[in-house]
Amino acid sequence: MLRARAATPERFARNRLQSHVRARIHSRTCYLSSMRTTIEFDADTAKAVQRLRREQGLGVSEAVNELIRRGMLRPEPRRPFRQKTYRLGIMIDVANVADALEVLEDTQHR
């Protein structure tokens, strides 16, 4: 059996205040979460967004956010280090430094 409570002025005012506070909180949340802006994508980025949406079933905003996160986390690719070498025209055994220096000095004086 349901019992109806008597609506007193104090109770009415309290319920109205609670309802008003809930509405203000909800409106702030909606405003912050539904802020929109227009972004124009280049052809290559639009394809990346569409591909991700298709693969993972995401919305446009989710796909754009995911691609931005990936870009922020991915380090820039580095070219592998490659030592440049040059032919000197002479063969030197560098096991003995003194002999190597002597050979180099002799070739410079010629």
C-alpha atoms as a PDB file:
ATOM      1  CA  MET A   1       0.000   0.000   0.000  1.00  0.00           C
ATOM      2  CA  LEU A   2       1.423   3.398  -0.994  1.00  0.00           C
ATOM      3  CA  ARG A   3       1.122   6.226   1.435  1.00  0.00           C
ATOM      4  CA  ALA A   4       1.069   9.749   0.172  1.00  0.00           C
ATOM      5  CA  ARG A   5       3.060  12.221   2.189  1.00  0.00           C
ATOM      6  CA  ALA A   6       1.563  15.543   2.900  1.00  0.00           C
ATOM      7  CA  ALA A   7       3.175  18.337   0.921  1.00  0.00           C
ATOM      8  CA  THR A   8       4.253  20.898   3.476  1.00  0.00           C
ATOM      9  CA  PRO A   9       5.636  24.274   2.389  1.00  0.00           C
ATOM     10  CA  GLU A  10       9.033  23.423   3.912  1.00  0.00           C
ATOM     11  CA  ARG A  11       9.153  20.096   2.102  1.00  0.00           C
ATOM     12  CA  PHE A  12       8.089  21.706  -1.165  1.00  0.00           C
ATOM     13  CA  ALA A  13      10.798  24.366  -0.850  1.00  0.00           C
ATOM     14  CA  ARG A  14      13.466  21.761  -0.005  1.00  0.00           C
ATOM     15  CA  ASN A  15      12.512  19.564  -2.985  1.00  0.00           C
ATOM     16  CA  ARG A  16      12.473  22.575  -5.270  1.00  0.00           C
ATOM     17  CA  LEU A  17      15.930  23.666  -4.061  1.00  0.00           C
ATOM     18  CA  GLN A  18      17.354  20.167  -4.531  1.00  0.00           C
ATOM     19  CA  SER A  19      15.851  20.024  -7.997  1.00  0.00           C
ATOM     20  CA  HIS A  20      17.311  23.429  -8.846  1.00  0.00           C
ATOM     21  CA  VAL A  21      20.808  22.409  -7.631  1.00  0.00           C
ATOM     22  CA  ARG A  22      20.634  19.173  -9.639  1.00  0.00           C
ATOM     23  CA  ALA A  23      19.578  21.100 -12.741  1.00  0.00           C
ATOM     24  CA  ARG A  24      22.482  23.581 -12.378  1.00  0.00           C
ATOM     25  CA  ILE A  25      25.033  20.791 -11.940  1.00  0.00           C
ATOM     26  CA  HIS A  26      23.579  18.953 -14.922  1.00  0.00           C
ATOM     27  CA  SER A  27      23.634  22.069 -17.101  1.00  0.00           C
ATOM     28  CA  ARG A  28      27.294  22.736 -16.245  1.00  0.00           C
ATOM     29  CA  THR A  29      28.209  19.159 -17.041  1.00  0.00           C
ATOM     30  CA  CYS A  30      26.323  19.291 -20.319  1.00  0.00           C
ATOM     31  CA  TYR A  31      27.943  22.572 -21.275  1.00  0.00           C
ATOM     32  CA  LEU A  32      31.454  21.326 -20.608  1.00  0.00           C
ATOM     33  CA  SER A  33      30.974  17.977 -22.258  1.00  0.00           C
ATOM     34  CA  SER A  34      29.156  19.220 -25.344  1.00  0.00           C
ATOM     35  CA  MET A  35      31.381  22.111 -26.365  1.00  0.00           C
ATOM     36  CA  ARG A  36      31.790  21.874 -30.121  1.00  0.00           C
ATOM     37  CA  THR A  37      34.221  23.248 -32.609  1.00  0.00           C
ATOM     38  CA  THR A  38      34.802  22.822 -36.321  1.00  0.00           C
ATOM     39  CA  ILE A  39      37.968  21.185 -37.565  1.00  0.00           C
ATOM     40  CA  GLU A  40      38.911  20.833 -41.205  1.00  0.00           C
ATOM     41  CA  PHE A  41      40.966  17.717 -41.929  1.00  0.00           C
ATOM     42  CA  ASP A  42      43.428  17.306 -44.775  1.00  0.00           C
ATOM     43  CA  ALA A  43      42.762  14.306 -47.007  1.00  0.00           C
ATOM     44  CA  ASP A  44      45.380  12.067 -45.346  1.00  0.00           C
ATOM     45  CA  THR A  45      44.190  12.787 -41.797  1.00  0.00           C
ATOM     46  CA  ALA A  46      40.540  12.357 -42.793  1.00  0.00           C
ATOM     47  CA  LYS A  47      41.423   8.918 -44.181  1.00  0.00           C
ATOM     48  CA  ALA A  48      43.200   8.010 -40.927  1.00  0.00           C
ATOM     49  CA  VAL A  49      40.156   9.069 -38.875  1.00  0.00           C
ATOM     50  CA  GLN A  50      37.790   7.105 -41.134  1.00  0.00           C
ATOM     51  CA  ARG A  51      40.027   4.026 -41.054  1.00  0.00           C
ATOM     52  CA  LEU A  52      40.179   4.066 -37.253  1.00  0.00           C
ATOM     53  CA  ARG A  53      36.413   4.593 -37.013  1.00  0.00           C
ATOM     54  CA  ARG A  54      35.836   1.600 -39.290  1.00  0.00           C
ATOM     55  CA  GLU A  55      38.359  -0.655 -37.527  1.00  0.00           C
ATOM     56  CA  GLN A  56      37.330   0.094 -33.949  1.00  0.00           C
ATOM     57  CA  GLY A  57      33.767   1.326 -34.350  1.00  0.00           C
ATOM     58  CA  LEU A  58      34.509   4.746 -32.834  1.00  0.00           C
ATOM     59  CA  GLY A  59      32.857   8.108 -33.276  1.00  0.00           C
ATOM     60  CA  VAL A  60      34.666  10.991 -34.930  1.00  0.00           C
ATOM     61  CA  SER A  61      35.681  12.659 -31.650  1.00  0.00           C
ATOM     62  CA  GLU A  62      36.886   9.387 -30.147  1.00  0.00           C
ATOM     63  CA  ALA A  63      38.915   8.572 -33.253  1.00  0.00           C
ATOM     64  CA  VAL A  64      40.487  12.043 -33.381  1.00  0.00           C
ATOM     65  CA  ASN A  65      41.363  11.872 -29.667  1.00  0.00           C
ATOM     66  CA  GLU A  66      42.916   8.421 -30.127  1.00  0.00           C
ATOM     67  CA  LEU A  67      45.033   9.592 -33.054  1.00  0.00           C
ATOM     68  CA  ILE A  68      46.174  12.651 -31.100  1.00  0.00           C
ATOM     69  CA  ARG A  69      47.176  10.443 -28.157  1.00  0.00           C
ATOM     70  CA  ARG A  70      49.115   8.116 -30.451  1.00  0.00           C
ATOM     71  CA  GLY A  71      50.935  11.083 -31.932  1.00  0.00           C
ATOM     72  CA  MET A  72      51.861  12.430 -28.512  1.00  0.00           C
ATOM     73  CA  LEU A  73      53.186   9.084 -27.301  1.00  0.00           C
ATOM     74  CA  ARG A  74      55.120   8.032 -30.381  1.00  0.00           C
ATOM     75  CA  PRO A  75      58.736   9.209 -30.386  1.00  0.00           C
ATOM     76  CA  GLU A  76      60.077  10.669 -33.577  1.00  0.00           C
ATOM     77  CA  PRO A  77      61.674   7.979 -35.738  1.00  0.00           C
ATOM     78  CA  ARG A  78      65.436   8.125 -35.699  1.00  0.00           C
ATOM     79  CA  ARG A  79      67.648   7.280 -38.579  1.00  0.00           C
ATOM     80  CA  PRO A  80      70.039   4.479 -37.678  1.00  0.00           C
ATOM     81  CA  PHE A  81      73.555   5.667 -36.901  1.00  0.00           C
ATOM     82  CA  ARG A  82      76.002   4.973 -39.658  1.00  0.00           C
ATOM     83  CA  GLN A  83      79.707   5.676 -39.307  1.00  0.00           C
ATOM     84  CA  LYS A  84      81.241   7.349 -42.323  1.00  0.00           C
ATOM     85  CA  THR A  85      84.491   5.787 -43.427  1.00  0.00           C
ATOM     86  CA  TYR A  86      87.026   6.780 -46.048  1.00  0.00           C
ATOM     87  CA  ARG A  87      89.742   4.822 -47.823  1.00  0.00           C
ATOM     88  CA  LEU A  88      93.175   6.163 -46.933  1.00  0.00           C
ATOM     89  CA  GLY A  89      95.006   4.189 -49.546  1.00  0.00           C
ATOM     90  CA  ILE A  90      97.366   2.477 -47.076  1.00  0.00           C
ATOM     91  CA  MET A  91      96.919  -0.523 -44.830  1.00  0.00           C
ATOM     92  CA  ILE A  92      97.935   0.000 -41.213  1.00  0.00           C
ATOM     93  CA  ASP A  93      98.023  -2.562 -38.444  1.00  0.00           C
ATOM     94  CA  VAL A  94      96.798  -0.632 -35.411  1.00  0.00           C
ATOM     95  CA  ALA A  95      97.643  -3.381 -32.928  1.00  0.00           C
ATOM     96  CA  ASN A  96     100.866  -1.553 -32.155  1.00  0.00           C
ATOM     97  CA  VAL A  97     100.191   2.198 -31.903  1.00  0.00           C
ATOM     98  CA  ALA A  98     103.855   3.204 -32.103  1.00  0.00           C
ATOM     99  CA  ASP A  99     104.315   1.310 -35.388  1.00  0.00           C
ATOM    100  CA  ALA A 100     101.083   2.794 -36.785  1.00  0.00           C
ATOM    101  CA  LEU A 101     102.235   6.342 -35.940  1.00  0.00           C
ATOM    102  CA  GLU A 102     105.623   5.689 -37.519  1.00  0.00           C
ATOM    103  CA  VAL A 103     103.991   4.460 -40.744  1.00  0.00           C
ATOM    104  CA  LEU A 104     101.712   7.504 -40.837  1.00  0.00           C
ATOM    105  CA  GLU A 105     104.588   9.903 -40.261  1.00  0.00           C
ATOM    106  CA  ASP A 106     106.621   8.309 -43.044  1.00  0.00           C
ATOM    107  CA  THR A 107     103.713   8.631 -45.517  1.00  0.00           C
ATOM    108  CA  GLN A 108     103.228  12.300 -44.657  1.00  0.00           C
ATOM    109  CA  HIS A 109     106.887  13.151 -45.401  1.00  0.00           C
ATOM    110  CA  ARG A 110     106.844  11.581 -48.868  1.00  0.00           C
END
